[in-house]
Amino acid sequence: MERNNKLLYVHGFASSGSSGTVMTLRRHLASWRVIAPDLPVDPFDALELLRNIVEKEQPDVVVGTSMGGMYTQQLWGVPRIIVNPSFEMSRSLLFGKMGKNKYMSKRQDGAAEFRIDKSVVERFKLMEKTQFDGVNDAEKQLVTALFGDKDPIVNFYPLVAELYGKERCVHFDGEHRLNDEVVKKVLIPIINSYVKADDTQNWYF
């Protein structure tokens, strides 16, 4: 019986489930179902949405980029790939993102803009205090972290290497945002390796 693989993609700040990365993933993973929801602005609402999707859909792999990497890291119990994760969103928002922001890709609800205020920043601060509380030996085998070696925005490699181990980290030739080349040559092979590992009950790749 043919397996119907599912991938949950978690987008970054000011993005949506119709981003260019989602389109690229669907093109390269034609036999997969790629689930890519639009995230609420509030971080706890976003994480609740994602956890409900994981429970309902039981994806084979979750991929999160930037802010999405922060959320994805907290989806305990499921294989996941975090790409250039941004674990200090409260700080990032305070420096350049306060007030009105425009979405970079189309949202299902038609929204073109959203607002960041102090209350949203405080919500991220609250989440950041507990975002690593679920890390344990079992979780360390379920996470792979990708870091662009030319990322000018964030670099949490030292933290991830400490929490999950250097062997769970992969550096690639690229910047903060993924492009088609990185998706095809770096991300897709890791996604496929998780599915192969699942078939043998071994998460290492």
Protein backbone atom coordinates (compact mmCIF):
# COMPACT_ATOMS: atom_id res chain seq x y z
CA MET A 1 0.00 0.00 0.00
CA GLU A 2 1.44 3.36 -1.02
CA ARG A 3 2.19 5.68 1.86
CA ASN A 4 0.64 9.15 1.81
CA ASN A 5 3.37 11.33 3.29
CA LYS A 6 2.44 14.63 4.92
CA LEU A 7 4.58 17.67 5.61
CA LEU A 8 3.54 20.57 7.81
CA TYR A 9 5.28 23.83 6.87
CA VAL A 10 5.40 26.67 9.42
CA HIS A 11 6.08 30.05 7.85
CA GLY A 12 8.10 32.95 9.20
CA PHE A 13 7.23 36.50 10.21
CA ALA A 14 4.94 38.47 7.86
CA SER A 15 4.54 35.47 5.61
CA SER A 16 1.75 32.99 4.92
CA GLY A 17 0.92 29.49 3.80
CA SER A 18 1.17 30.58 0.17
CA SER A 19 4.78 31.74 0.34
CA GLY A 20 7.34 30.97 -2.31
CA THR A 21 8.92 28.34 -0.07
CA VAL A 22 5.62 26.49 0.13
CA MET A 23 5.30 26.53 -3.64
CA THR A 24 8.84 25.21 -3.98
CA LEU A 25 8.22 22.41 -1.49
CA ARG A 26 5.07 21.36 -3.31
CA ARG A 27 6.93 21.32 -6.60
CA HIS A 28 9.75 19.14 -5.29
CA LEU A 29 7.52 16.94 -3.11
CA ALA A 30 4.83 16.26 -5.67
CA SER A 31 3.73 12.99 -4.05
CA TRP A 32 3.42 14.59 -0.60
CA ARG A 33 0.60 16.55 0.97
CA VAL A 34 2.09 19.86 2.11
CA ILE A 35 0.01 21.51 4.83
CA ALA A 36 0.79 25.21 5.24
CA PRO A 37 -1.57 27.24 7.44
CA ASP A 38 -1.60 31.01 7.85
CA LEU A 39 -0.49 31.74 11.41
CA PRO A 40 -2.20 34.14 13.82
CA VAL A 41 -0.15 37.10 15.04
CA ASP A 42 -0.43 36.05 18.69
CA PRO A 43 2.25 33.41 19.41
CA PHE A 44 0.14 31.28 21.75
CA ASP A 45 -2.73 31.21 19.26
CA ALA A 46 -0.27 30.21 16.55
CA LEU A 47 1.24 27.39 18.62
CA GLU A 48 -2.19 26.10 19.60
CA LEU A 49 -3.23 26.03 15.94
CA LEU A 50 -0.11 24.11 14.99
CA ARG A 51 -0.45 21.59 17.82
CA ASN A 52 -4.05 20.94 16.79
CA ILE A 53 -2.93 20.35 13.20
CA VAL A 54 -0.22 17.95 14.34
CA GLU A 55 -2.71 16.01 16.45
CA LYS A 56 -5.26 15.83 13.64
CA GLU A 57 -3.02 15.32 10.60
CA GLN A 58 -0.07 13.47 12.18
CA PRO A 59 2.48 14.80 9.68
CA ASP A 60 5.59 12.76 8.91
CA VAL A 61 7.79 15.86 9.15
CA VAL A 62 7.35 19.47 10.23
CA VAL A 63 9.52 22.20 8.67
CA GLY A 64 9.66 25.68 10.18
CA THR A 65 11.66 28.68 9.02
CA SER A 66 12.75 31.69 11.09
CA MET A 67 9.86 32.53 13.46
CA GLY A 68 8.28 29.30 12.25
CA GLY A 69 11.38 27.51 13.47
CA MET A 70 10.67 28.78 16.97
CA TYR A 71 7.15 27.33 16.84
CA THR A 72 8.28 24.10 15.20
CA GLN A 73 10.89 23.48 17.89
CA GLN A 74 8.02 23.30 20.40
CA LEU A 75 5.94 20.72 18.51
CA TRP A 76 7.10 17.89 20.74
CA GLY A 77 6.96 14.28 19.63
CA VAL A 78 7.04 14.80 15.87
CA PRO A 79 10.07 14.78 13.51
CA ARG A 80 10.93 18.37 12.67
CA ILE A 81 13.40 20.54 10.81
CA ILE A 82 14.06 24.09 12.00
CA VAL A 83 15.66 26.43 9.48
CA ASN A 84 17.43 29.58 10.70
CA PRO A 85 15.21 29.56 13.81
CA SER A 86 14.47 32.88 15.49
CA PHE A 87 14.14 32.23 19.22
CA GLU A 88 14.10 35.87 20.37
CA MET A 89 11.15 37.24 18.43
CA SER A 90 10.35 39.77 21.15
CA ARG A 91 13.71 41.41 20.60
CA SER A 92 13.41 41.24 16.80
CA LEU A 93 9.98 42.86 16.91
CA LEU A 94 11.11 45.73 19.12
CA PHE A 95 13.84 46.69 16.67
CA GLY A 96 12.09 47.55 13.42
CA LYS A 97 8.77 45.69 13.43
CA MET A 98 6.57 47.74 15.76
CA GLY A 99 3.38 49.21 14.35
CA LYS A 100 1.90 48.36 10.97
CA ASN A 101 3.47 45.58 8.87
CA LYS A 102 2.56 44.23 5.45
CA TYR A 103 2.25 40.54 4.68
CA MET A 104 4.75 39.41 2.04
CA SER A 105 2.44 36.80 0.53
CA LYS A 106 -1.30 36.29 0.13
CA ARG A 107 -3.33 35.18 3.14
CA GLN A 108 -6.46 33.06 2.99
CA ASP A 109 -8.42 35.67 4.96
CA GLY A 110 -7.40 38.39 2.53
CA ALA A 111 -5.54 40.40 5.17
CA ALA A 112 -2.78 42.58 3.72
CA GLU A 113 -1.52 44.18 6.93
CA PHE A 114 -1.14 43.44 10.62
CA ARG A 115 0.02 45.36 13.67
CA ILE A 116 2.66 44.63 16.27
CA ASP A 117 2.27 46.42 19.60
CA LYS A 118 3.72 46.04 23.09
CA SER A 119 1.12 43.45 24.07
CA VAL A 120 2.22 41.15 21.23
CA VAL A 121 5.86 41.61 22.23
CA GLU A 122 5.01 40.67 25.81
CA ARG A 123 3.27 37.53 24.59
CA PHE A 124 6.41 36.48 22.72
CA LYS A 125 8.52 37.22 25.82
CA LEU A 126 6.26 34.93 27.83
CA MET A 127 6.58 32.12 25.32
CA GLU A 128 10.34 32.49 25.09
CA LYS A 129 10.69 31.74 28.80
CA THR A 130 9.44 28.18 28.39
CA GLN A 131 10.13 27.34 24.73
CA PHE A 132 12.90 24.84 25.53
CA ASP A 133 11.26 23.17 28.53
CA GLY A 134 10.33 20.08 26.50
CA VAL A 135 13.84 19.29 25.27
CA ASN A 136 14.91 15.82 26.42
CA ASP A 137 16.90 12.89 25.05
CA ALA A 138 14.00 11.64 22.95
CA GLU A 139 13.31 15.07 21.46
CA LYS A 140 16.97 15.50 20.55
CA GLN A 141 16.61 12.68 18.04
CA LEU A 142 13.60 14.30 16.37
CA VAL A 143 15.12 17.67 15.47
CA THR A 144 17.47 18.74 12.71
CA ALA A 145 18.53 22.39 12.56
CA LEU A 146 19.69 24.12 9.37
CA PHE A 147 21.76 27.30 9.41
CA GLY A 148 22.65 29.49 6.47
CA ASP A 149 26.30 30.45 6.72
CA LYS A 150 25.52 33.90 5.29
CA ASP A 151 22.43 34.63 7.40
CA PRO A 152 22.62 38.34 8.39
CA ILE A 153 19.51 38.24 10.60
CA VAL A 154 19.81 35.53 13.26
CA ASN A 155 22.35 32.95 14.38
CA PHE A 156 21.26 30.57 17.11
CA TYR A 157 23.62 27.78 16.15
CA PRO A 158 25.52 27.88 19.49
CA LEU A 159 22.28 27.53 21.44
CA VAL A 160 20.88 24.72 19.28
CA ALA A 161 24.22 22.89 19.30
CA GLU A 162 24.22 23.05 23.10
CA LEU A 163 20.60 21.91 23.47
CA TYR A 164 20.39 19.31 20.71
CA GLY A 165 24.01 18.49 19.90
CA LYS A 166 26.27 19.57 17.06
CA GLU A 167 25.42 16.38 15.17
CA ARG A 168 21.84 17.63 14.79
CA CYS A 169 22.99 20.84 13.07
CA VAL A 170 23.61 21.33 9.36
CA HIS A 171 25.20 24.41 7.78
CA PHE A 172 24.38 25.32 4.21
CA ASP A 173 25.60 27.88 1.69
CA GLY A 174 22.84 30.46 1.89
CA GLU A 175 21.19 33.32 3.72
CA HIS A 176 18.17 33.68 6.01
CA ARG A 177 15.48 32.94 3.46
CA LEU A 178 15.45 29.68 1.58
CA ASN A 179 15.82 29.64 -2.18
CA ASP A 180 15.02 26.90 -4.68
CA GLU A 181 18.59 25.61 -4.74
CA VAL A 182 18.80 25.16 -0.97
CA VAL A 183 15.35 23.56 -0.80
CA LYS A 184 16.26 21.10 -3.54
CA LYS A 185 19.82 20.21 -2.51
CA VAL A 186 19.72 20.56 1.28
CA LEU A 187 16.19 20.50 2.70
CA ILE A 188 14.52 17.87 0.51
CA PRO A 189 17.15 15.15 1.17
CA ILE A 190 16.78 15.68 4.92
CA ILE A 191 12.98 15.51 4.67
CA ASN A 192 13.26 12.24 2.76
CA SER A 193 15.77 10.88 5.26
CA TYR A 194 13.29 11.27 8.08
CA VAL A 195 10.72 9.19 6.21
CA LYS A 196 13.32 6.49 5.49
CA ALA A 197 14.36 6.57 9.13
CA ASP A 198 10.74 6.14 10.18
CA ASP A 199 10.51 2.99 8.09
CA THR A 200 13.35 1.47 10.10
CA GLN A 201 12.32 2.94 13.47
CA ASN A 202 15.54 4.96 13.63
CA TRP A 203 15.50 8.76 13.47
CA TYR A 204 19.18 9.24 12.66
CA PHE A 205 20.10 10.21 9.13
